[in-house]
Amino acid sequence: MAAGKGPDTPVREVMSEDVKYCYEDEDLDHVAKNMGDIQVRRLPVVNRDKRLVGLISLGDLAVKEKKAATNAVSGVSKPGGQHSQSARA
C-alpha cells in the first residue's frame, strides 16, 4: 500500500524473497543474536526437514528470556539495515 500498490497486487510483488528462519532445536540466545544481527522482529521456525513448525517474535523472547530479548532488540533497533523502512524507495 505504501508503495502505491492496490489490494489486488499479487503477494509475489511485495514479499521478501530471501526468507530468514531458525531451527526449532537452536539455542535461544543464538536465535536472539541472529534476529538482532539481521534486524528482524519475527522469524519462521522450521524443523530439520525445513517444514514450518512455528514463528518466534521479540515478544516471545521477552516472555521466555529477557536477556536474549534485550540483545535482539538492541540489534533490531539500529538505524538502517536490510529491513529498514528508510532504506526502501
PDB file of N, CA and C in Angstrom:
ATOM      1  N   MET A   1       0.820  -1.194   0.000  1.00  0.00           N
ATOM      2  CA  MET A   1       0.000   0.000   0.000  1.00  0.00           C
ATOM      3  C   MET A   1       0.864   1.258   0.000  1.00  0.00           C
ATOM      4  N   ALA A   2       1.923   1.244   0.842  1.00  0.00           N
ATOM      5  CA  ALA A   2       2.780   2.427   0.931  1.00  0.00           C
ATOM      6  C   ALA A   2       3.492   2.695  -0.384  1.00  0.00           C
ATOM      7  N   ALA A   3       3.721   1.662  -1.166  1.00  0.00           N
ATOM      8  CA  ALA A   3       4.394   1.829  -2.455  1.00  0.00           C
ATOM      9  C   ALA A   3       3.401   2.170  -3.561  1.00  0.00           C
ATOM     10  N   GLY A   4       2.147   2.438  -3.200  1.00  0.00           N
ATOM     11  CA  GLY A   4       1.145   2.797  -4.190  1.00  0.00           C
ATOM     12  C   GLY A   4       0.487   1.606  -4.857  1.00  0.00           C
ATOM     13  N   LYS A   5       0.665   0.431  -4.301  1.00  0.00           N
ATOM     14  CA  LYS A   5       0.067  -0.776  -4.874  1.00  0.00           C
ATOM     15  C   LYS A   5      -1.316  -0.983  -4.273  1.00  0.00           C
ATOM     16  N   GLY A   6      -2.209  -1.502  -5.078  1.00  0.00           N
ATOM     17  CA  GLY A   6      -3.572  -1.735  -4.641  1.00  0.00           C
ATOM     18  C   GLY A   6      -3.759  -3.092  -3.972  1.00  0.00           C
ATOM     19  N   PRO A   7      -4.942  -3.336  -3.424  1.00  0.00           N
ATOM     20  CA  PRO A   7      -5.214  -4.594  -2.723  1.00  0.00           C
ATOM     21  C   PRO A   7      -5.236  -5.821  -3.639  1.00  0.00           C
ATOM     22  N   ASP A   8      -5.285  -5.607  -4.946  1.00  0.00           N
ATOM     23  CA  ASP A   8      -5.287  -6.738  -5.882  1.00  0.00           C
ATOM     24  C   ASP A   8      -3.875  -7.088  -6.358  1.00  0.00           C
ATOM     25  N   THR A   9      -2.862  -6.462  -5.777  1.00  0.00           N
ATOM     26  CA  THR A   9      -1.462  -6.733  -6.123  1.00  0.00           C
ATOM     27  C   THR A   9      -1.090  -8.145  -5.693  1.00  0.00           C
ATOM     28  N   PRO A  10      -0.466  -8.934  -6.569  1.00  0.00           N
ATOM     29  CA  PRO A  10      -0.037 -10.277  -6.173  1.00  0.00           C
ATOM     30  C   PRO A  10       1.009 -10.206  -5.060  1.00  0.00           C
ATOM     31  N   VAL A  11       0.948 -11.124  -4.135  1.00  0.00           N
ATOM     32  CA  VAL A  11       1.867 -11.170  -2.999  1.00  0.00           C
ATOM     33  C   VAL A  11       3.319 -11.200  -3.472  1.00  0.00           C
ATOM     34  N   ARG A  12       3.605 -11.906  -4.554  1.00  0.00           N
ATOM     35  CA  ARG A  12       4.989 -12.037  -5.026  1.00  0.00           C
ATOM     36  C   ARG A  12       5.634 -10.695  -5.334  1.00  0.00           C
ATOM     37  N   GLU A  13       4.828  -9.650  -5.574  1.00  0.00           N
ATOM     38  CA  GLU A  13       5.382  -8.330  -5.874  1.00  0.00           C
ATOM     39  C   GLU A  13       5.824  -7.574  -4.630  1.00  0.00           C
ATOM     40  N   VAL A  14       5.414  -8.008  -3.449  1.00  0.00           N
ATOM     41  CA  VAL A  14       5.758  -7.278  -2.229  1.00  0.00           C
ATOM     42  C   VAL A  14       6.427  -8.146  -1.168  1.00  0.00           C
ATOM     43  N   MET A  15       6.529  -9.434  -1.410  1.00  0.00           N
ATOM     44  CA  MET A  15       7.079 -10.340  -0.401  1.00  0.00           C
ATOM     45  C   MET A  15       8.595 -10.247  -0.324  1.00  0.00           C
ATOM     46  N   SER A  16       9.141 -10.708   0.788  1.00  0.00           N
ATOM     47  CA  SER A  16      10.589 -10.838   0.942  1.00  0.00           C
ATOM     48  C   SER A  16      11.007 -12.102   0.214  1.00  0.00           C
ATOM     49  N   GLU A  17      12.001 -11.992  -0.643  1.00  0.00           N
ATOM     50  CA  GLU A  17      12.443 -13.165  -1.395  1.00  0.00           C
ATOM     51  C   GLU A  17      13.434 -14.008  -0.606  1.00  0.00           C
ATOM     52  N   ASP A  18      14.262 -13.364   0.201  1.00  0.00           N
ATOM     53  CA  ASP A  18      15.282 -14.071   0.964  1.00  0.00           C
ATOM     54  C   ASP A  18      14.751 -14.301   2.376  1.00  0.00           C
ATOM     55  N   VAL A  19      14.050 -15.395   2.586  1.00  0.00           N
ATOM     56  CA  VAL A  19      13.417 -15.671   3.871  1.00  0.00           C
ATOM     57  C   VAL A  19      14.458 -16.177   4.861  1.00  0.00           C
ATOM     58  N   LYS A  20      14.544 -15.509   5.992  1.00  0.00           N
ATOM     59  CA  LYS A  20      15.410 -15.931   7.087  1.00  0.00           C
ATOM     60  C   LYS A  20      14.571 -16.795   8.020  1.00  0.00           C
ATOM     61  N   TYR A  21      15.195 -17.784   8.640  1.00  0.00           N
ATOM     62  CA  TYR A  21      14.477 -18.683   9.540  1.00  0.00           C
ATOM     63  C   TYR A  21      15.439 -19.234  10.570  1.00  0.00           C
ATOM     64  N   CYS A  22      14.895 -19.923  11.557  1.00  0.00           N
ATOM     65  CA  CYS A  22      15.715 -20.628  12.540  1.00  0.00           C
ATOM     66  C   CYS A  22      15.151 -22.037  12.698  1.00  0.00           C
ATOM     67  N   TYR A  23      15.969 -22.900  13.271  1.00  0.00           N
ATOM     68  CA  TYR A  23      15.537 -24.274  13.522  1.00  0.00           C
ATOM     69  C   TYR A  23      14.936 -24.384  14.925  1.00  0.00           C
ATOM     70  N   GLU A  24      13.991 -25.274  15.080  1.00  0.00           N
ATOM     71  CA  GLU A  24      13.295 -25.437  16.348  1.00  0.00           C
ATOM     72  C   GLU A  24      14.203 -25.902  17.483  1.00  0.00           C
ATOM     73  N   ASP A  25      15.342 -26.506  17.163  1.00  0.00           N
ATOM     74  CA  ASP A  25      16.234 -27.009  18.206  1.00  0.00           C
ATOM     75  C   ASP A  25      17.452 -26.104  18.436  1.00  0.00           C
ATOM     76  N   GLU A  26      17.452 -24.908  17.855  1.00  0.00           N
ATOM     77  CA  GLU A  26      18.556 -23.968  18.060  1.00  0.00           C
ATOM     78  C   GLU A  26      18.489 -23.343  19.446  1.00  0.00           C
ATOM     79  N   ASP A  27      19.641 -22.932  19.944  1.00  0.00           N
ATOM     80  CA  ASP A  27      19.746 -22.252  21.227  1.00  0.00           C
ATOM     81  C   ASP A  27      19.072 -20.881  21.141  1.00  0.00           C
ATOM     82  N   LEU A  28      18.274 -20.549  22.136  1.00  0.00           N
ATOM     83  CA  LEU A  28      17.509 -19.303  22.135  1.00  0.00           C
ATOM     84  C   LEU A  28      18.409 -18.072  22.068  1.00  0.00           C
ATOM     85  N   ASP A  29      19.520 -18.085  22.784  1.00  0.00           N
ATOM     86  CA  ASP A  29      20.440 -16.939  22.733  1.00  0.00           C
ATOM     87  C   ASP A  29      20.991 -16.741  21.325  1.00  0.00           C
ATOM     88  N   HIS A  30      21.303 -17.831  20.650  1.00  0.00           N
ATOM     89  CA  HIS A  30      21.820 -17.747  19.270  1.00  0.00           C
ATOM     90  C   HIS A  30      20.760 -17.163  18.338  1.00  0.00           C
ATOM     91  N   VAL A  31      19.529 -17.615  18.477  1.00  0.00           N
ATOM     92  CA  VAL A  31      18.439 -17.111  17.639  1.00  0.00           C
ATOM     93  C   VAL A  31      18.218 -15.621  17.897  1.00  0.00           C
ATOM     94  N   ALA A  32      18.242 -15.230  19.171  1.00  0.00           N
ATOM     95  CA  ALA A  32      18.047 -13.817  19.517  1.00  0.00           C
ATOM     96  C   ALA A  32      19.161 -12.957  18.932  1.00  0.00           C
ATOM     97  N   LYS A  33      20.391 -13.417  19.027  1.00  0.00           N
ATOM     98  CA  LYS A  33      21.514 -12.673  18.448  1.00  0.00           C
ATOM     99  C   LYS A  33      21.353 -12.551  16.934  1.00  0.00           C
ATOM    100  N   ASN A  34      20.949 -13.636  16.302  1.00  0.00           N
ATOM    101  CA  ASN A  34      20.730 -13.627  14.855  1.00  0.00           C
ATOM    102  C   ASN A  34      19.626 -12.640  14.480  1.00  0.00           C
ATOM    103  N   MET A  35      18.553 -12.619  15.242  1.00  0.00           N
ATOM    104  CA  MET A  35      17.463 -11.672  14.963  1.00  0.00           C
ATOM    105  C   MET A  35      17.978 -10.239  15.028  1.00  0.00           C
ATOM    106  N   GLY A  36      18.820  -9.954  16.024  1.00  0.00           N
ATOM    107  CA  GLY A  36      19.393  -8.619  16.136  1.00  0.00           C
ATOM    108  C   GLY A  36      20.324  -8.305  14.984  1.00  0.00           C
ATOM    109  N   ASP A  37      21.155  -9.283  14.622  1.00  0.00           N
ATOM    110  CA  ASP A  37      22.122  -9.074  13.542  1.00  0.00           C
ATOM    111  C   ASP A  37      21.446  -8.795  12.203  1.00  0.00           C
ATOM    112  N   ILE A  38      20.372  -9.525  11.917  1.00  0.00           N
ATOM    113  CA  ILE A  38      19.699  -9.335  10.626  1.00  0.00           C
ATOM    114  C   ILE A  38      18.528  -8.357  10.718  1.00  0.00           C
ATOM    115  N   GLN A  39      18.320  -7.820  11.910  1.00  0.00           N
ATOM    116  CA  GLN A  39      17.321  -6.786  12.175  1.00  0.00           C
ATOM    117  C   GLN A  39      15.903  -7.194  11.777  1.00  0.00           C
ATOM    118  N   VAL A  40      15.454  -8.310  12.328  1.00  0.00           N
ATOM    119  CA  VAL A  40      14.067  -8.735  12.130  1.00  0.00           C
ATOM    120  C   VAL A  40      13.395  -8.926  13.475  1.00  0.00           C
ATOM    121  N   ARG A  41      12.099  -8.705  13.521  1.00  0.00           N
ATOM    122  CA  ARG A  41      11.331  -8.848  14.753  1.00  0.00           C
ATOM    123  C   ARG A  41      10.660 -10.218  14.879  1.00  0.00           C
ATOM    124  N   ARG A  42      10.599 -10.941  13.780  1.00  0.00           N
ATOM    125  CA  ARG A  42       9.985 -12.272  13.768  1.00  0.00           C
ATOM    126  C   ARG A  42      10.767 -13.183  12.843  1.00  0.00           C
ATOM    127  N   LEU A  43      10.789 -14.469  13.185  1.00  0.00           N
ATOM    128  CA  LEU A  43      11.435 -15.462  12.330  1.00  0.00           C
ATOM    129  C   LEU A  43      10.555 -16.698  12.234  1.00  0.00           C
ATOM    130  N   PRO A  44      10.398 -17.241  11.039  1.00  0.00           N
ATOM    131  CA  PRO A  44       9.753 -18.552  10.935  1.00  0.00           C
ATOM    132  C   PRO A  44      10.651 -19.588  11.623  1.00  0.00           C
ATOM    133  N   VAL A  45      10.027 -20.571  12.239  1.00  0.00           N
ATOM    134  CA  VAL A  45      10.747 -21.664  12.884  1.00  0.00           C
ATOM    135  C   VAL A  45      10.458 -22.928  12.088  1.00  0.00           C
ATOM    136  N   VAL A  46      11.517 -23.629  11.684  1.00  0.00           N
ATOM    137  CA  VAL A  46      11.358 -24.848  10.890  1.00  0.00           C
ATOM    138  C   VAL A  46      12.034 -26.013  11.599  1.00  0.00           C
ATOM    139  N   ASN A  47      11.593 -27.234  11.243  1.00  0.00           N
ATOM    140  CA  ASN A  47      12.286 -28.417  11.743  1.00  0.00           C
ATOM    141  C   ASN A  47      13.454 -28.719  10.809  1.00  0.00           C
ATOM    142  N   ARG A  48      14.183 -29.772  11.088  1.00  0.00           N
ATOM    143  CA  ARG A  48      15.373 -30.067  10.277  1.00  0.00           C
ATOM    144  C   ARG A  48      15.031 -30.517   8.859  1.00  0.00           C
ATOM    145  N   ASP A  49      13.759 -30.823   8.593  1.00  0.00           N
ATOM    146  CA  ASP A  49      13.302 -31.107   7.232  1.00  0.00           C
ATOM    147  C   ASP A  49      12.855 -29.826   6.529  1.00  0.00           C
ATOM    148  N   LYS A  50      13.059 -28.694   7.210  1.00  0.00           N
ATOM    149  CA  LYS A  50      12.676 -27.359   6.739  1.00  0.00           C
ATOM    150  C   LYS A  50      11.175 -27.220   6.507  1.00  0.00           C
ATOM    151  N   ARG A  51      10.419 -27.873   7.372  1.00  0.00           N
ATOM    152  CA  ARG A  51       8.962 -27.702   7.373  1.00  0.00           C
ATOM    153  C   ARG A  51       8.598 -26.729   8.487  1.00  0.00           C
ATOM    154  N   LEU A  52       7.747 -25.775   8.160  1.00  0.00           N
ATOM    155  CA  LEU A  52       7.353 -24.749   9.111  1.00  0.00           C
ATOM    156  C   LEU A  52       6.662 -25.371  10.321  1.00  0.00           C
ATOM    157  N   VAL A  53       7.138 -25.009  11.518  1.00  0.00           N
ATOM    158  CA  VAL A  53       6.516 -25.518  12.740  1.00  0.00           C
ATOM    159  C   VAL A  53       6.059 -24.386  13.660  1.00  0.00           C
ATOM    160  N   GLY A  54       6.422 -23.147  13.324  1.00  0.00           N
ATOM    161  CA  GLY A  54       6.007 -22.031  14.168  1.00  0.00           C
ATOM    162  C   GLY A  54       6.648 -20.732  13.752  1.00  0.00           C
ATOM    163  N   LEU A  55       6.525 -19.758  14.641  1.00  0.00           N
ATOM    164  CA  LEU A  55       7.054 -18.421  14.416  1.00  0.00           C
ATOM    165  C   LEU A  55       7.533 -17.909  15.762  1.00  0.00           C
ATOM    166  N   ILE A  56       8.703 -17.279  15.811  1.00  0.00           N
ATOM    167  CA  ILE A  56       9.191 -16.686  17.049  1.00  0.00           C
ATOM    168  C   ILE A  56       9.271 -15.177  16.862  1.00  0.00           C
ATOM    169  N   SER A  57       8.890 -14.445  17.896  1.00  0.00           N
ATOM    170  CA  SER A  57       8.905 -12.984  17.828  1.00  0.00           C
ATOM    171  C   SER A  57       9.709 -12.423  18.991  1.00  0.00           C
ATOM    172  N   LEU A  58      10.013 -11.138  18.909  1.00  0.00           N
ATOM    173  CA  LEU A  58      10.682 -10.490  20.030  1.00  0.00           C
ATOM    174  C   LEU A  58       9.845 -10.594  21.295  1.00  0.00           C
ATOM    175  N   GLY A  59       8.527 -10.549  21.144  1.00  0.00           N
ATOM    176  CA  GLY A  59       7.641 -10.700  22.301  1.00  0.00           C
ATOM    177  C   GLY A  59       7.796 -12.060  22.956  1.00  0.00           C
ATOM    178  N   ASP A  60       7.948 -13.102  22.145  1.00  0.00           N
ATOM    179  CA  ASP A  60       8.177 -14.442  22.690  1.00  0.00           C
ATOM    180  C   ASP A  60       9.472 -14.477  23.490  1.00  0.00           C
ATOM    181  N   LEU A  61      10.513 -13.847  22.938  1.00  0.00           N
ATOM    182  CA  LEU A  61      11.794 -13.800  23.643  1.00  0.00           C
ATOM    183  C   LEU A  61      11.665 -13.054  24.964  1.00  0.00           C
ATOM    184  N   ALA A  62      10.928 -11.949  24.955  1.00  0.00           N
ATOM    185  CA  ALA A  62      10.762 -11.144  26.164  1.00  0.00           C
ATOM    186  C   ALA A  62      10.086 -11.933  27.281  1.00  0.00           C
ATOM    187  N   VAL A  63       9.150 -12.788  26.921  1.00  0.00           N
ATOM    188  CA  VAL A  63       8.439 -13.590  27.911  1.00  0.00           C
ATOM    189  C   VAL A  63       9.336 -14.697  28.463  1.00  0.00           C
ATOM    190  N   LYS A  64      10.105 -15.340  27.590  1.00  0.00           N
ATOM    191  CA  LYS A  64      10.901 -16.511  27.979  1.00  0.00           C
ATOM    192  C   LYS A  64      12.301 -16.173  28.465  1.00  0.00           C
ATOM    193  N   GLU A  65      12.934 -15.195  27.848  1.00  0.00           N
ATOM    194  CA  GLU A  65      14.345 -14.924  28.125  1.00  0.00           C
ATOM    195  C   GLU A  65      14.622 -13.437  27.938  1.00  0.00           C
ATOM    196  N   LYS A  66      14.492 -12.686  29.010  1.00  0.00           N
ATOM    197  CA  LYS A  66      14.614 -11.227  28.916  1.00  0.00           C
ATOM    198  C   LYS A  66      15.981 -10.767  28.404  1.00  0.00           C
ATOM    199  N   LYS A  67      17.061 -11.426  28.817  1.00  0.00           N
ATOM    200  CA  LYS A  67      18.399 -11.024  28.357  1.00  0.00           C
ATOM    201  C   LYS A  67      18.529 -11.211  26.848  1.00  0.00           C
ATOM    202  N   ALA A  68      18.047 -12.342  26.336  1.00  0.00           N
ATOM    203  CA  ALA A  68      18.101 -12.592  24.894  1.00  0.00           C
ATOM    204  C   ALA A  68      17.272 -11.551  24.148  1.00  0.00           C
ATOM    205  N   ALA A  69      16.111 -11.216  24.689  1.00  0.00           N
ATOM    206  CA  ALA A  69      15.249 -10.226  24.046  1.00  0.00           C
ATOM    207  C   ALA A  69      15.927  -8.862  24.009  1.00  0.00           C
ATOM    208  N   THR A  70      16.591  -8.498  25.093  1.00  0.00           N
ATOM    209  CA  THR A  70      17.291  -7.214  25.152  1.00  0.00           C
ATOM    210  C   THR A  70      18.362  -7.148  24.066  1.00  0.00           C
ATOM    211  N   ASN A  71      19.123  -8.214  23.921  1.00  0.00           N
ATOM    212  CA  ASN A  71      20.159  -8.249  22.887  1.00  0.00           C
ATOM    213  C   ASN A  71      19.557  -8.151  21.492  1.00  0.00           C
ATOM    214  N   ALA A  72      18.475  -8.857  21.248  1.00  0.00           N
ATOM    215  CA  ALA A  72      17.829  -8.823  19.934  1.00  0.00           C
ATOM    216  C   ALA A  72      17.274  -7.432  19.638  1.00  0.00           C
ATOM    217  N   VAL A  73      16.610  -6.836  20.625  1.00  0.00           N
ATOM    218  CA  VAL A  73      16.009  -5.516  20.423  1.00  0.00           C
ATOM    219  C   VAL A  73      17.089  -4.476  20.127  1.00  0.00           C
ATOM    220  N   SER A  74      18.216  -4.561  20.800  1.00  0.00           N
ATOM    221  CA  SER A  74      19.259  -3.578  20.540  1.00  0.00           C
ATOM    222  C   SER A  74      19.769  -3.673  19.106  1.00  0.00           C
ATOM    223  N   GLY A  75      19.845  -4.885  18.556  1.00  0.00           N
ATOM    224  CA  GLY A  75      20.258  -5.048  17.162  1.00  0.00           C
ATOM    225  C   GLY A  75      19.184  -4.621  16.185  1.00  0.00           C
ATOM    226  N   VAL A  76      17.951  -5.001  16.469  1.00  0.00           N
ATOM    227  CA  VAL A  76      16.835  -4.666  15.583  1.00  0.00           C
ATOM    228  C   VAL A  76      16.625  -3.164  15.529  1.00  0.00           C
ATOM    229  N   SER A  77      16.892  -2.487  16.637  1.00  0.00           N
ATOM    230  CA  SER A  77      16.617  -1.056  16.733  1.00  0.00           C
ATOM    231  C   SER A  77      17.673  -0.166  16.106  1.00  0.00           C
ATOM    232  N   LYS A  78      18.776  -0.738  15.650  1.00  0.00           N
ATOM    233  CA  LYS A  78      19.806   0.072  14.996  1.00  0.00           C
ATOM    234  C   LYS A  78      19.252   0.646  13.700  1.00  0.00           C
ATOM    235  N   PRO A  79      19.567   1.917  13.416  1.00  0.00           N
ATOM    236  CA  PRO A  79      19.080   2.510  12.162  1.00  0.00           C
ATOM    237  C   PRO A  79      19.664   1.808  10.937  1.00  0.00           C
ATOM    238  N   GLY A  80      18.907   1.835   9.856  1.00  0.00           N
ATOM    239  CA  GLY A  80      19.358   1.244   8.598  1.00  0.00           C
ATOM    240  C   GLY A  80      19.182  -0.245   8.598  1.00  0.00           C
ATOM    241  N   GLY A  81      19.921  -0.921   7.756  1.00  0.00           N
ATOM    242  CA  GLY A  81      19.820  -2.367   7.667  1.00  0.00           C
ATOM    243  C   GLY A  81      18.901  -2.780   6.537  1.00  0.00           C
ATOM    244  N   GLN A  82      18.972  -4.040   6.226  1.00  0.00           N
ATOM    245  CA  GLN A  82      18.250  -4.623   5.099  1.00  0.00           C
ATOM    246  C   GLN A  82      16.736  -4.438   5.190  1.00  0.00           C
ATOM    247  N   HIS A  83      16.190  -4.473   6.395  1.00  0.00           N
ATOM    248  CA  HIS A  83      14.744  -4.434   6.553  1.00  0.00           C
ATOM    249  C   HIS A  83      14.222  -3.073   7.039  1.00  0.00           C
ATOM    250  N   SER A  84      15.037  -2.061   6.920  1.00  0.00           N
ATOM    251  CA  SER A  84      14.659  -0.730   7.367  1.00  0.00           C
ATOM    252  C   SER A  84      13.675  -0.089   6.393  1.00  0.00           C
ATOM    253  N   GLN A  85      12.663   0.547   6.928  1.00  0.00           N
ATOM    254  CA  GLN A  85      11.719   1.249   6.064  1.00  0.00           C
ATOM    255  C   GLN A  85      12.373   2.440   5.403  1.00  0.00           C
ATOM    256  N   SER A  86      13.369   3.035   6.065  1.00  0.00           N
ATOM    257  CA  SER A  86      14.034   4.189   5.476  1.00  0.00           C
ATOM    258  C   SER A  86      14.918   3.805   4.300  1.00  0.00           C
ATOM    259  N   ALA A  87      15.242   2.506   4.179  1.00  0.00           N
ATOM    260  CA  ALA A  87      16.103   2.057   3.079  1.00  0.00           C
ATOM    261  C   ALA A  87      15.313   1.780   1.801  1.00  0.00           C
ATOM    262  N   ARG A  88      14.008   1.773   1.896  1.00  0.00           N
ATOM    263  CA  ARG A  88      13.164   1.480   0.726  1.00  0.00           C
ATOM    264  C   ARG A  88      12.877   2.743  -0.060  1.00  0.00           C
ATOM    265  N   ALA A  89      12.691   2.552  -1.331  1.00  0.00           N
ATOM    266  CA  ALA A  89      12.366   3.691  -2.204  1.00  0.00           C
ATOM    267  C   ALA A  89      10.904   4.006  -2.151  1.00  0.00           C
TER     268      ALA A  89
END
